[in-house]
Amino acid sequence: MSEELPEELKLRVMKRMIRRVMEERTTESFNDIEREVWSKLVDERAKELMEKTKVLYPRDYGVVVKVFYELIKKGLVKEFDGYTTLLLLNKLGISVKPEMKLRFVKRGREVDLKNYVGD
């Protein structure tokens, strides 16, 4: 979403979209909507977050997919990277944390902590 809009306005727009999505019945099947949303997830982090949402919050997953689809349909978002997906999920009240991995790189190679500190 655009960084020019104040957080308060973004939150109001998101809440209004959530209400609208929950109230109206879409003529498209959920599988088509889900496929469209997943095609707009551009990196592995975004896909990981959506997969965790599907597993951890199965009841809310449908609403999340519909909200993401509405954002795409209205042209507010063209694609979802990991950061955007995480922010939107948090705004929707879905607490999903990405996997964390520490990597130590020394002279262009990934090494373990012992080799990194030892040399």
PDB file of N, CA and C in Angstrom:
ATOM      1  N   MET A   1       0.844  -1.175   0.000  1.00  0.00           N
ATOM      2  CA  MET A   1       0.000   0.000   0.000  1.00  0.00           C
ATOM      3  C   MET A   1       0.885   1.232   0.000  1.00  0.00           C
ATOM      4  N   SER A   2       0.332   2.311  -0.378  1.00  0.00           N
ATOM      5  CA  SER A   2       1.078   3.543  -0.512  1.00  0.00           C
ATOM      6  C   SER A   2       1.551   4.045   0.846  1.00  0.00           C
ATOM      7  N   GLU A   3       2.799   4.537   0.881  1.00  0.00           N
ATOM      8  CA  GLU A   3       3.362   5.050   2.127  1.00  0.00           C
ATOM      9  C   GLU A   3       2.893   6.477   2.428  1.00  0.00           C
ATOM     10  N   GLU A   4       2.238   7.143   1.452  1.00  0.00           N
ATOM     11  CA  GLU A   4       1.790   8.511   1.668  1.00  0.00           C
ATOM     12  C   GLU A   4       0.571   8.589   2.582  1.00  0.00           C
ATOM     13  N   LEU A   5      -0.202   7.530   2.640  1.00  0.00           N
ATOM     14  CA  LEU A   5      -1.417   7.538   3.457  1.00  0.00           C
ATOM     15  C   LEU A   5      -1.074   7.328   4.926  1.00  0.00           C
ATOM     16  N   PRO A   6      -1.713   8.075   5.818  1.00  0.00           N
ATOM     17  CA  PRO A   6      -1.485   7.855   7.248  1.00  0.00           C
ATOM     18  C   PRO A   6      -1.986   6.476   7.672  1.00  0.00           C
ATOM     19  N   GLU A   7      -1.376   5.923   8.694  1.00  0.00           N
ATOM     20  CA  GLU A   7      -1.730   4.590   9.189  1.00  0.00           C
ATOM     21  C   GLU A   7      -3.215   4.491   9.535  1.00  0.00           C
ATOM     22  N   GLU A   8      -3.755   5.544  10.128  1.00  0.00           N
ATOM     23  CA  GLU A   8      -5.152   5.542  10.535  1.00  0.00           C
ATOM     24  C   GLU A   8      -6.081   5.378   9.326  1.00  0.00           C
ATOM     25  N   LEU A   9      -5.769   6.071   8.243  1.00  0.00           N
ATOM     26  CA  LEU A   9      -6.578   5.978   7.031  1.00  0.00           C
ATOM     27  C   LEU A   9      -6.441   4.600   6.390  1.00  0.00           C
ATOM     28  N   LYS A  10      -5.222   4.052   6.367  1.00  0.00           N
ATOM     29  CA  LYS A  10      -5.016   2.706   5.825  1.00  0.00           C
ATOM     30  C   LYS A  10      -5.842   1.689   6.597  1.00  0.00           C
ATOM     31  N   LEU A  11      -5.848   1.824   7.913  1.00  0.00           N
ATOM     32  CA  LEU A  11      -6.581   0.882   8.754  1.00  0.00           C
ATOM     33  C   LEU A  11      -8.078   0.967   8.473  1.00  0.00           C
ATOM     34  N   ARG A  12      -8.601   2.190   8.315  1.00  0.00           N
ATOM     35  CA  ARG A  12     -10.025   2.360   8.011  1.00  0.00           C
ATOM     36  C   ARG A  12     -10.396   1.731   6.668  1.00  0.00           C
ATOM     37  N   VAL A  13      -9.537   1.938   5.676  1.00  0.00           N
ATOM     38  CA  VAL A  13      -9.790   1.366   4.353  1.00  0.00           C
ATOM     39  C   VAL A  13      -9.786  -0.152   4.434  1.00  0.00           C
ATOM     40  N   MET A  14      -8.816  -0.717   5.155  1.00  0.00           N
ATOM     41  CA  MET A  14      -8.731  -2.169   5.293  1.00  0.00           C
ATOM     42  C   MET A  14      -9.971  -2.721   6.003  1.00  0.00           C
ATOM     43  N   LYS A  15     -10.409  -2.066   7.068  1.00  0.00           N
ATOM     44  CA  LYS A  15     -11.590  -2.531   7.798  1.00  0.00           C
ATOM     45  C   LYS A  15     -12.830  -2.474   6.919  1.00  0.00           C
ATOM     46  N   ARG A  16     -12.967  -1.408   6.138  1.00  0.00           N
ATOM     47  CA  ARG A  16     -14.111  -1.274   5.250  1.00  0.00           C
ATOM     48  C   ARG A  16     -14.094  -2.379   4.197  1.00  0.00           C
ATOM     49  N   MET A  17     -12.906  -2.691   3.669  1.00  0.00           N
ATOM     50  CA  MET A  17     -12.801  -3.753   2.670  1.00  0.00           C
ATOM     51  C   MET A  17     -13.130  -5.107   3.286  1.00  0.00           C
ATOM     52  N   ILE A  18     -12.694  -5.325   4.514  1.00  0.00           N
ATOM     53  CA  ILE A  18     -12.987  -6.594   5.192  1.00  0.00           C
ATOM     54  C   ILE A  18     -14.487  -6.754   5.355  1.00  0.00           C
ATOM     55  N   ARG A  19     -15.145  -5.695   5.815  1.00  0.00           N
ATOM     56  CA  ARG A  19     -16.595  -5.755   5.984  1.00  0.00           C
ATOM     57  C   ARG A  19     -17.292  -6.060   4.667  1.00  0.00           C
ATOM     58  N   ARG A  20     -16.885  -5.370   3.612  1.00  0.00           N
ATOM     59  CA  ARG A  20     -17.497  -5.557   2.308  1.00  0.00           C
ATOM     60  C   ARG A  20     -17.294  -6.985   1.792  1.00  0.00           C
ATOM     61  N   VAL A  21     -16.086  -7.509   1.972  1.00  0.00           N
ATOM     62  CA  VAL A  21     -15.794  -8.869   1.521  1.00  0.00           C
ATOM     63  C   VAL A  21     -16.636  -9.877   2.284  1.00  0.00           C
ATOM     64  N   MET A  22     -16.786  -9.665   3.581  1.00  0.00           N
ATOM     65  CA  MET A  22     -17.551 -10.605   4.387  1.00  0.00           C
ATOM     66  C   MET A  22     -19.041 -10.544   4.078  1.00  0.00           C
ATOM     67  N   GLU A  23     -19.527  -9.378   3.681  1.00  0.00           N
ATOM     68  CA  GLU A  23     -20.958  -9.214   3.434  1.00  0.00           C
ATOM     69  C   GLU A  23     -21.386  -9.728   2.065  1.00  0.00           C
ATOM     70  N   GLU A  24     -20.581  -9.469   1.059  1.00  0.00           N
ATOM     71  CA  GLU A  24     -21.011  -9.836  -0.292  1.00  0.00           C
ATOM     72  C   GLU A  24     -20.557 -11.240  -0.677  1.00  0.00           C
ATOM     73  N   ARG A  25     -21.349 -11.873  -1.477  1.00  0.00           N
ATOM     74  CA  ARG A  25     -21.013 -13.203  -2.000  1.00  0.00           C
ATOM     75  C   ARG A  25     -20.402 -13.009  -3.380  1.00  0.00           C
ATOM     76  N   THR A  26     -19.261 -13.601  -3.587  1.00  0.00           N
ATOM     77  CA  THR A  26     -18.630 -13.478  -4.900  1.00  0.00           C
ATOM     78  C   THR A  26     -19.165 -14.570  -5.817  1.00  0.00           C
ATOM     79  N   THR A  27     -19.244 -14.245  -7.095  1.00  0.00           N
ATOM     80  CA  THR A  27     -19.720 -15.222  -8.064  1.00  0.00           C
ATOM     81  C   THR A  27     -18.611 -16.171  -8.485  1.00  0.00           C
ATOM     82  N   GLU A  28     -17.368 -15.752  -8.269  1.00  0.00           N
ATOM     83  CA  GLU A  28     -16.248 -16.601  -8.627  1.00  0.00           C
ATOM     84  C   GLU A  28     -16.041 -17.656  -7.546  1.00  0.00           C
ATOM     85  N   SER A  29     -15.523 -18.777  -7.938  1.00  0.00           N
ATOM     86  CA  SER A  29     -15.287 -19.823  -6.950  1.00  0.00           C
ATOM     87  C   SER A  29     -14.070 -19.460  -6.098  1.00  0.00           C
ATOM     88  N   PHE A  30     -14.042 -19.994  -4.895  1.00  0.00           N
ATOM     89  CA  PHE A  30     -12.946 -19.700  -3.975  1.00  0.00           C
ATOM     90  C   PHE A  30     -11.620 -20.192  -4.542  1.00  0.00           C
ATOM     91  N   ASN A  31     -11.624 -21.318  -5.236  1.00  0.00           N
ATOM     92  CA  ASN A  31     -10.382 -21.847  -5.804  1.00  0.00           C
ATOM     93  C   ASN A  31      -9.784 -20.893  -6.828  1.00  0.00           C
ATOM     94  N   ASP A  32     -10.627 -20.259  -7.645  1.00  0.00           N
ATOM     95  CA  ASP A  32     -10.138 -19.291  -8.628  1.00  0.00           C
ATOM     96  C   ASP A  32      -9.547 -18.072  -7.933  1.00  0.00           C
ATOM     97  N   ILE A  33     -10.231 -17.608  -6.904  1.00  0.00           N
ATOM     98  CA  ILE A  33      -9.748 -16.450  -6.147  1.00  0.00           C
ATOM     99  C   ILE A  33      -8.421 -16.785  -5.478  1.00  0.00           C
ATOM    100  N   GLU A  34      -8.365 -17.943  -4.853  1.00  0.00           N
ATOM    101  CA  GLU A  34      -7.131 -18.365  -4.167  1.00  0.00           C
ATOM    102  C   GLU A  34      -5.975 -18.490  -5.162  1.00  0.00           C
ATOM    103  N   ARG A  35      -6.229 -19.058  -6.320  1.00  0.00           N
ATOM    104  CA  ARG A  35      -5.200 -19.213  -7.353  1.00  0.00           C
ATOM    105  C   ARG A  35      -4.682 -17.846  -7.793  1.00  0.00           C
ATOM    106  N   GLU A  36      -5.582 -16.896  -7.958  1.00  0.00           N
ATOM    107  CA  GLU A  36      -5.191 -15.540  -8.365  1.00  0.00           C
ATOM    108  C   GLU A  36      -4.302 -14.885  -7.305  1.00  0.00           C
ATOM    109  N   VAL A  37      -4.691 -15.016  -6.035  1.00  0.00           N
ATOM    110  CA  VAL A  37      -3.898 -14.424  -4.951  1.00  0.00           C
ATOM    111  C   VAL A  37      -2.512 -15.068  -4.895  1.00  0.00           C
ATOM    112  N   TRP A  38      -2.468 -16.394  -4.967  1.00  0.00           N
ATOM    113  CA  TRP A  38      -1.180 -17.084  -4.902  1.00  0.00           C
ATOM    114  C   TRP A  38      -0.287 -16.727  -6.082  1.00  0.00           C
ATOM    115  N   SER A  39      -0.861 -16.404  -7.223  1.00  0.00           N
ATOM    116  CA  SER A  39      -0.046 -16.014  -8.383  1.00  0.00           C
ATOM    117  C   SER A  39       0.599 -14.645  -8.179  1.00  0.00           C
ATOM    118  N   LYS A  40       0.048 -13.858  -7.273  1.00  0.00           N
ATOM    119  CA  LYS A  40       0.592 -12.521  -6.999  1.00  0.00           C
ATOM    120  C   LYS A  40       1.600 -12.502  -5.845  1.00  0.00           C
ATOM    121  N   LEU A  41       1.830 -13.648  -5.225  1.00  0.00           N
ATOM    122  CA  LEU A  41       2.859 -13.741  -4.178  1.00  0.00           C
ATOM    123  C   LEU A  41       4.197 -13.896  -4.880  1.00  0.00           C
ATOM    124  N   VAL A  42       5.055 -12.865  -4.781  1.00  0.00           N
ATOM    125  CA  VAL A  42       6.240 -12.818  -5.635  1.00  0.00           C
ATOM    126  C   VAL A  42       7.487 -13.448  -5.041  1.00  0.00           C
ATOM    127  N   ASP A  43       7.530 -13.671  -3.741  1.00  0.00           N
ATOM    128  CA  ASP A  43       8.731 -14.280  -3.185  1.00  0.00           C
ATOM    129  C   ASP A  43       8.377 -15.416  -2.221  1.00  0.00           C
ATOM    130  N   GLU A  44       9.387 -16.151  -1.850  1.00  0.00           N
ATOM    131  CA  GLU A  44       9.189 -17.321  -0.992  1.00  0.00           C
ATOM    132  C   GLU A  44       8.670 -16.939   0.388  1.00  0.00           C
ATOM    133  N   ARG A  45       9.057 -15.776   0.894  1.00  0.00           N
ATOM    134  CA  ARG A  45       8.608 -15.333   2.219  1.00  0.00           C
ATOM    135  C   ARG A  45       7.102 -15.134   2.222  1.00  0.00           C
ATOM    136  N   ALA A  46       6.567 -14.512   1.174  1.00  0.00           N
ATOM    137  CA  ALA A  46       5.120 -14.288   1.083  1.00  0.00           C
ATOM    138  C   ALA A  46       4.370 -15.619   1.016  1.00  0.00           C
ATOM    139  N   LYS A  47       4.893 -16.561   0.235  1.00  0.00           N
ATOM    140  CA  LYS A  47       4.259 -17.877   0.128  1.00  0.00           C
ATOM    141  C   LYS A  47       4.317 -18.619   1.464  1.00  0.00           C
ATOM    142  N   GLU A  48       5.442 -18.494   2.155  1.00  0.00           N
ATOM    143  CA  GLU A  48       5.588 -19.129   3.471  1.00  0.00           C
ATOM    144  C   GLU A  48       4.567 -18.573   4.461  1.00  0.00           C
ATOM    145  N   LEU A  49       4.393 -17.252   4.459  1.00  0.00           N
ATOM    146  CA  LEU A  49       3.445 -16.627   5.375  1.00  0.00           C
ATOM    147  C   LEU A  49       2.005 -17.034   5.073  1.00  0.00           C
ATOM    148  N   MET A  50       1.657 -17.109   3.797  1.00  0.00           N
ATOM    149  CA  MET A  50       0.294 -17.530   3.441  1.00  0.00           C
ATOM    150  C   MET A  50       0.063 -18.993   3.794  1.00  0.00           C
ATOM    151  N   GLU A  51       1.074 -19.825   3.595  1.00  0.00           N
ATOM    152  CA  GLU A  51       0.950 -21.241   3.946  1.00  0.00           C
ATOM    153  C   GLU A  51       0.763 -21.405   5.453  1.00  0.00           C
ATOM    154  N   LYS A  52       1.524 -20.642   6.242  1.00  0.00           N
ATOM    155  CA  LYS A  52       1.368 -20.694   7.704  1.00  0.00           C
ATOM    156  C   LYS A  52      -0.012 -20.206   8.121  1.00  0.00           C
ATOM    157  N   THR A  53      -0.516 -19.170   7.448  1.00  0.00           N
ATOM    158  CA  THR A  53      -1.853 -18.668   7.741  1.00  0.00           C
ATOM    159  C   THR A  53      -2.887 -19.751   7.475  1.00  0.00           C
ATOM    160  N   LYS A  54      -2.722 -20.460   6.369  1.00  0.00           N
ATOM    161  CA  LYS A  54      -3.657 -21.530   6.002  1.00  0.00           C
ATOM    162  C   LYS A  54      -3.662 -22.641   7.044  1.00  0.00           C
ATOM    163  N   VAL A  55      -2.483 -22.959   7.598  1.00  0.00           N
ATOM    164  CA  VAL A  55      -2.368 -24.042   8.575  1.00  0.00           C
ATOM    165  C   VAL A  55      -2.798 -23.588   9.970  1.00  0.00           C
ATOM    166  N   LEU A  56      -2.325 -22.419  10.402  1.00  0.00           N
ATOM    167  CA  LEU A  56      -2.576 -21.953  11.771  1.00  0.00           C
ATOM    168  C   LEU A  56      -3.958 -21.328  11.964  1.00  0.00           C
ATOM    169  N   TYR A  57      -4.498 -20.717  10.923  1.00  0.00           N
ATOM    170  CA  TYR A  57      -5.780 -20.020  11.017  1.00  0.00           C
ATOM    171  C   TYR A  57      -6.715 -20.469   9.884  1.00  0.00           C
ATOM    172  N   PRO A  58      -7.122 -21.729   9.874  1.00  0.00           N
ATOM    173  CA  PRO A  58      -7.946 -22.211   8.750  1.00  0.00           C
ATOM    174  C   PRO A  58      -9.291 -21.491   8.615  1.00  0.00           C
ATOM    175  N   ARG A  59      -9.863 -21.056   9.717  1.00  0.00           N
ATOM    176  CA  ARG A  59     -11.151 -20.333   9.640  1.00  0.00           C
ATOM    177  C   ARG A  59     -10.992 -18.942   9.049  1.00  0.00           C
ATOM    178  N   ASP A  60      -9.880 -18.289   9.345  1.00  0.00           N
ATOM    179  CA  ASP A  60      -9.646 -16.930   8.869  1.00  0.00           C
ATOM    180  C   ASP A  60      -8.997 -16.886   7.492  1.00  0.00           C
ATOM    181  N   TYR A  61      -8.473 -18.009   7.044  1.00  0.00           N
ATOM    182  CA  TYR A  61      -7.746 -18.042   5.774  1.00  0.00           C
ATOM    183  C   TYR A  61      -8.627 -17.585   4.604  1.00  0.00           C
ATOM    184  N   GLY A  62      -9.862 -18.009   4.565  1.00  0.00           N
ATOM    185  CA  GLY A  62     -10.765 -17.607   3.489  1.00  0.00           C
ATOM    186  C   GLY A  62     -10.975 -16.109   3.434  1.00  0.00           C
ATOM    187  N   VAL A  63     -11.119 -15.492   4.585  1.00  0.00           N
ATOM    188  CA  VAL A  63     -11.295 -14.036   4.641  1.00  0.00           C
ATOM    189  C   VAL A  63     -10.026 -13.335   4.170  1.00  0.00           C
ATOM    190  N   VAL A  64      -8.869 -13.859   4.599  1.00  0.00           N
ATOM    191  CA  VAL A  64      -7.583 -13.270   4.191  1.00  0.00           C
ATOM    192  C   VAL A  64      -7.448 -13.321   2.677  1.00  0.00           C
ATOM    193  N   VAL A  65      -7.743 -14.463   2.080  1.00  0.00           N
ATOM    194  CA  VAL A  65      -7.639 -14.606   0.626  1.00  0.00           C
ATOM    195  C   VAL A  65      -8.579 -13.630  -0.073  1.00  0.00           C
ATOM    196  N   LYS A  66      -9.794 -13.497   0.425  1.00  0.00           N
ATOM    197  CA  LYS A  66     -10.762 -12.588  -0.199  1.00  0.00           C
ATOM    198  C   LYS A  66     -10.326 -11.129  -0.073  1.00  0.00           C
ATOM    199  N   VAL A  67      -9.760 -10.753   1.068  1.00  0.00           N
ATOM    200  CA  VAL A  67      -9.275  -9.381   1.241  1.00  0.00           C
ATOM    201  C   VAL A  67      -8.109  -9.117   0.288  1.00  0.00           C
ATOM    202  N   PHE A  68      -7.172 -10.056   0.197  1.00  0.00           N
ATOM    203  CA  PHE A  68      -6.045  -9.893  -0.724  1.00  0.00           C
ATOM    204  C   PHE A  68      -6.561  -9.783  -2.169  1.00  0.00           C
ATOM    205  N   TYR A  69      -7.565 -10.593  -2.504  1.00  0.00           N
ATOM    206  CA  TYR A  69      -8.133 -10.561  -3.852  1.00  0.00           C
ATOM    207  C   TYR A  69      -8.782  -9.203  -4.132  1.00  0.00           C
ATOM    208  N   GLU A  70      -9.484  -8.671  -3.168  1.00  0.00           N
ATOM    209  CA  GLU A  70     -10.113  -7.353  -3.345  1.00  0.00           C
ATOM    210  C   GLU A  70      -9.054  -6.269  -3.557  1.00  0.00           C
ATOM    211  N   LEU A  71      -7.952  -6.360  -2.843  1.00  0.00           N
ATOM    212  CA  LEU A  71      -6.867  -5.383  -3.027  1.00  0.00           C
ATOM    213  C   LEU A  71      -6.309  -5.457  -4.441  1.00  0.00           C
ATOM    214  N   ILE A  72      -6.185  -6.669  -4.960  1.00  0.00           N
ATOM    215  CA  ILE A  72      -5.693  -6.858  -6.330  1.00  0.00           C
ATOM    216  C   ILE A  72      -6.714  -6.325  -7.322  1.00  0.00           C
ATOM    217  N   LYS A  73      -7.979  -6.706  -7.132  1.00  0.00           N
ATOM    218  CA  LYS A  73      -9.048  -6.332  -8.058  1.00  0.00           C
ATOM    219  C   LYS A  73      -9.226  -4.821  -8.135  1.00  0.00           C
ATOM    220  N   LYS A  74      -9.087  -4.146  -7.014  1.00  0.00           N
ATOM    221  CA  LYS A  74      -9.262  -2.690  -6.990  1.00  0.00           C
ATOM    222  C   LYS A  74      -8.013  -1.949  -7.464  1.00  0.00           C
ATOM    223  N   GLY A  75      -6.919  -2.681  -7.674  1.00  0.00           N
ATOM    224  CA  GLY A  75      -5.692  -2.064  -8.166  1.00  0.00           C
ATOM    225  C   GLY A  75      -4.850  -1.407  -7.089  1.00  0.00           C
ATOM    226  N   LEU A  76      -5.170  -1.648  -5.824  1.00  0.00           N
ATOM    227  CA  LEU A  76      -4.395  -1.053  -4.738  1.00  0.00           C
ATOM    228  C   LEU A  76      -3.043  -1.746  -4.569  1.00  0.00           C
ATOM    229  N   VAL A  77      -2.988  -3.028  -4.886  1.00  0.00           N
ATOM    230  CA  VAL A  77      -1.755  -3.795  -4.787  1.00  0.00           C
ATOM    231  C   VAL A  77      -1.623  -4.634  -6.048  1.00  0.00           C
ATOM    232  N   LYS A  78      -0.427  -4.597  -6.664  1.00  0.00           N
ATOM    233  CA  LYS A  78      -0.199  -5.391  -7.872  1.00  0.00           C
ATOM    234  C   LYS A  78       0.378  -6.756  -7.535  1.00  0.00           C
ATOM    235  N   GLU A  79       1.219  -6.805  -6.509  1.00  0.00           N
ATOM    236  CA  GLU A  79       1.831  -8.063  -6.094  1.00  0.00           C
ATOM    237  C   GLU A  79       2.175  -7.971  -4.605  1.00  0.00           C
ATOM    238  N   PHE A  80       2.345  -9.130  -4.006  1.00  0.00           N
ATOM    239  CA  PHE A  80       2.614  -9.190  -2.571  1.00  0.00           C
ATOM    240  C   PHE A  80       3.998  -9.779  -2.338  1.00  0.00           C
ATOM    241  N   ASP A  81       4.875  -8.971  -1.766  1.00  0.00           N
ATOM    242  CA  ASP A  81       6.153  -9.521  -1.324  1.00  0.00           C
ATOM    243  C   ASP A  81       6.002  -9.929   0.139  1.00  0.00           C
ATOM    244  N   GLY A  82       7.052 -10.472   0.718  1.00  0.00           N
ATOM    245  CA  GLY A  82       6.974 -10.959   2.090  1.00  0.00           C
ATOM    246  C   GLY A  82       6.623  -9.873   3.089  1.00  0.00           C
ATOM    247  N   TYR A  83       7.221  -8.707   2.929  1.00  0.00           N
ATOM    248  CA  TYR A  83       6.991  -7.610   3.865  1.00  0.00           C
ATOM    249  C   TYR A  83       5.542  -7.117   3.791  1.00  0.00           C
ATOM    250  N   THR A  84       5.037  -6.923   2.583  1.00  0.00           N
ATOM    251  CA  THR A  84       3.657  -6.464   2.409  1.00  0.00           C
ATOM    252  C   THR A  84       2.672  -7.490   2.958  1.00  0.00           C
ATOM    253  N   THR A  85       2.940  -8.759   2.690  1.00  0.00           N
ATOM    254  CA  THR A  85       2.064  -9.828   3.182  1.00  0.00           C
ATOM    255  C   THR A  85       2.044  -9.839   4.701  1.00  0.00           C
ATOM    256  N   LEU A  86       3.214  -9.723   5.319  1.00  0.00           N
ATOM    257  CA  LEU A  86       3.297  -9.702   6.778  1.00  0.00           C
ATOM    258  C   LEU A  86       2.536  -8.517   7.362  1.00  0.00           C
ATOM    259  N   LEU A  87       2.705  -7.339   6.772  1.00  0.00           N
ATOM    260  CA  LEU A  87       1.996  -6.145   7.263  1.00  0.00           C
ATOM    261  C   LEU A  87       0.480  -6.304   7.144  1.00  0.00           C
ATOM    262  N   LEU A  88       0.020  -6.792   6.011  1.00  0.00           N
ATOM    263  CA  LEU A  88      -1.422  -6.954   5.820  1.00  0.00           C
ATOM    264  C   LEU A  88      -1.997  -8.000   6.767  1.00  0.00           C
ATOM    265  N   LEU A  89      -1.282  -9.098   6.952  1.00  0.00           N
ATOM    266  CA  LEU A  89      -1.758 -10.117   7.888  1.00  0.00           C
ATOM    267  C   LEU A  89      -1.845  -9.558   9.300  1.00  0.00           C
ATOM    268  N   ASN A  90      -0.843  -8.775   9.696  1.00  0.00           N
ATOM    269  CA  ASN A  90      -0.879  -8.164  11.030  1.00  0.00           C
ATOM    270  C   ASN A  90      -2.036  -7.183  11.165  1.00  0.00           C
ATOM    271  N   LYS A  91      -2.305  -6.421  10.115  1.00  0.00           N
ATOM    272  CA  LYS A  91      -3.437  -5.480  10.148  1.00  0.00           C
ATOM    273  C   LYS A  91      -4.771  -6.212  10.262  1.00  0.00           C
ATOM    274  N   LEU A  92      -4.826  -7.419   9.709  1.00  0.00           N
ATOM    275  CA  LEU A  92      -6.048  -8.217   9.777  1.00  0.00           C
ATOM    276  C   LEU A  92      -6.156  -8.996  11.086  1.00  0.00           C
ATOM    277  N   GLY A  93      -5.151  -8.873  11.940  1.00  0.00           N
ATOM    278  CA  GLY A  93      -5.179  -9.549  13.234  1.00  0.00           C
ATOM    279  C   GLY A  93      -4.651 -10.971  13.193  1.00  0.00           C
ATOM    280  N   ILE A  94      -3.945 -11.320  12.129  1.00  0.00           N
ATOM    281  CA  ILE A  94      -3.358 -12.646  11.985  1.00  0.00           C
ATOM    282  C   ILE A  94      -1.891 -12.550  12.390  1.00  0.00           C
ATOM    283  N   SER A  95      -1.537 -13.251  13.455  1.00  0.00           N
ATOM    284  CA  SER A  95      -0.164 -13.189  13.958  1.00  0.00           C
ATOM    285  C   SER A  95       0.622 -14.388  13.441  1.00  0.00           C
ATOM    286  N   VAL A  96       1.321 -14.159  12.345  1.00  0.00           N
ATOM    287  CA  VAL A  96       2.143 -15.205  11.732  1.00  0.00           C
ATOM    288  C   VAL A  96       3.568 -14.677  11.677  1.00  0.00           C
ATOM    289  N   LYS A  97       4.494 -15.489  12.133  1.00  0.00           N
ATOM    290  CA  LYS A  97       5.892 -15.081  12.148  1.00  0.00           C
ATOM    291  C   LYS A  97       6.673 -15.886  11.111  1.00  0.00           C
ATOM    292  N   PRO A  98       7.515 -15.208  10.330  1.00  0.00           N
ATOM    293  CA  PRO A  98       8.325 -15.930   9.344  1.00  0.00           C
ATOM    294  C   PRO A  98       9.444 -16.720  10.026  1.00  0.00           C
ATOM    295  N   GLU A  99       9.934 -17.741   9.345  1.00  0.00           N
ATOM    296  CA  GLU A  99      11.060 -18.522   9.862  1.00  0.00           C
ATOM    297  C   GLU A  99      12.306 -17.644   9.881  1.00  0.00           C
ATOM    298  N   MET A 100      13.098 -17.807  10.912  1.00  0.00           N
ATOM    299  CA  MET A 100      14.334 -17.040  11.040  1.00  0.00           C
ATOM    300  C   MET A 100      15.515 -17.990  10.888  1.00  0.00           C
ATOM    301  N   LYS A 101      16.501 -17.577  10.120  1.00  0.00           N
ATOM    302  CA  LYS A 101      17.708 -18.365   9.951  1.00  0.00           C
ATOM    303  C   LYS A 101      18.885 -17.403   9.932  1.00  0.00           C
ATOM    304  N   LEU A 102      19.846 -17.644  10.811  1.00  0.00           N
ATOM    305  CA  LEU A 102      21.053 -16.832  10.824  1.00  0.00           C
ATOM    306  C   LEU A 102      22.083 -17.477   9.918  1.00  0.00           C
ATOM    307  N   ARG A 103      22.646 -16.674   9.033  1.00  0.00           N
ATOM    308  CA  ARG A 103      23.683 -17.167   8.137  1.00  0.00           C
ATOM    309  C   ARG A 103      24.929 -16.332   8.359  1.00  0.00           C
ATOM    310  N   PHE A 104      26.052 -16.997   8.399  1.00  0.00           N
ATOM    311  CA  PHE A 104      27.334 -16.322   8.539  1.00  0.00           C
ATOM    312  C   PHE A 104      28.083 -16.484   7.233  1.00  0.00           C
ATOM    313  N   VAL A 105      28.438 -15.369   6.623  1.00  0.00           N
ATOM    314  CA  VAL A 105      29.120 -15.401   5.339  1.00  0.00           C
ATOM    315  C   VAL A 105      30.502 -14.811   5.527  1.00  0.00           C
ATOM    316  N   LYS A 106      31.487 -15.576   5.092  1.00  0.00           N
ATOM    317  CA  LYS A 106      32.868 -15.131   5.202  1.00  0.00           C
ATOM    318  C   LYS A 106      33.542 -15.370   3.863  1.00  0.00           C
ATOM    319  N   ARG A 107      34.055 -14.310   3.288  1.00  0.00           N
ATOM    320  CA  ARG A 107      34.718 -14.378   1.991  1.00  0.00           C
ATOM    321  C   ARG A 107      33.834 -15.014   0.917  1.00  0.00           C
ATOM    322  N   GLY A 108      32.558 -14.654   0.946  1.00  0.00           N
ATOM    323  CA  GLY A 108      31.628 -15.110  -0.073  1.00  0.00           C
ATOM    324  C   GLY A 108      31.062 -16.506   0.122  1.00  0.00           C
ATOM    325  N   ARG A 109      31.426 -17.172   1.217  1.00  0.00           N
ATOM    326  CA  ARG A 109      30.926 -18.521   1.488  1.00  0.00           C
ATOM    327  C   ARG A 109      30.155 -18.528   2.789  1.00  0.00           C
ATOM    328  N   GLU A 110      29.155 -19.368   2.860  1.00  0.00           N
ATOM    329  CA  GLU A 110      28.395 -19.525   4.094  1.00  0.00           C
ATOM    330  C   GLU A 110      29.144 -20.502   4.995  1.00  0.00           C
ATOM    331  N   VAL A 111      29.420 -20.069   6.245  1.00  0.00           N
ATOM    332  CA  VAL A 111      30.173 -20.899   7.186  1.00  0.00           C
ATOM    333  C   VAL A 111      29.401 -20.985   8.499  1.00  0.00           C
ATOM    334  N   ASP A 112      29.768 -21.956   9.345  1.00  0.00           N
ATOM    335  CA  ASP A 112      29.123 -22.045  10.641  1.00  0.00           C
ATOM    336  C   ASP A 112      29.755 -21.036  11.598  1.00  0.00           C
ATOM    337  N   LEU A 113      29.147 -20.866  12.748  1.00  0.00           N
ATOM    338  CA  LEU A 113      29.578 -19.845  13.705  1.00  0.00           C
ATOM    339  C   LEU A 113      31.012 -20.087  14.171  1.00  0.00           C
ATOM    340  N   LYS A 114      31.378 -21.330  14.390  1.00  0.00           N
ATOM    341  CA  LYS A 114      32.733 -21.667  14.869  1.00  0.00           C
ATOM    342  C   LYS A 114      33.793 -21.182  13.884  1.00  0.00           C
ATOM    343  N   ASN A 115      33.596 -21.425  12.606  1.00  0.00           N
ATOM    344  CA  ASN A 115      34.552 -20.973  11.595  1.00  0.00           C
ATOM    345  C   ASN A 115      34.517 -19.451  11.412  1.00  0.00           C
ATOM    346  N   TYR A 116      33.358 -18.869  11.578  1.00  0.00           N
ATOM    347  CA  TYR A 116      33.215 -17.435  11.418  1.00  0.00           C
ATOM    348  C   TYR A 116      33.983 -16.670  12.505  1.00  0.00           C
ATOM    349  N   VAL A 117      33.865 -17.128  13.745  1.00  0.00           N
ATOM    350  CA  VAL A 117      34.501 -16.446  14.859  1.00  0.00           C
ATOM    351  C   VAL A 117      35.970 -16.828  14.962  1.00  0.00           C
ATOM    352  N   GLY A 118      36.309 -18.069  14.638  1.00  0.00           N
ATOM    353  CA  GLY A 118      37.656 -18.588  14.819  1.00  0.00           C
ATOM    354  C   GLY A 118      38.708 -17.938  13.950  1.00  0.00           C
ATOM    355  N   ASP A 119      38.374 -17.539  12.735  1.00  0.00           N
ATOM    356  CA  ASP A 119      39.389 -16.991  11.823  1.00  0.00           C
ATOM    357  C   ASP A 119      39.551 -15.507  11.976  1.00  0.00           C
TER     358      ASP A 119
END
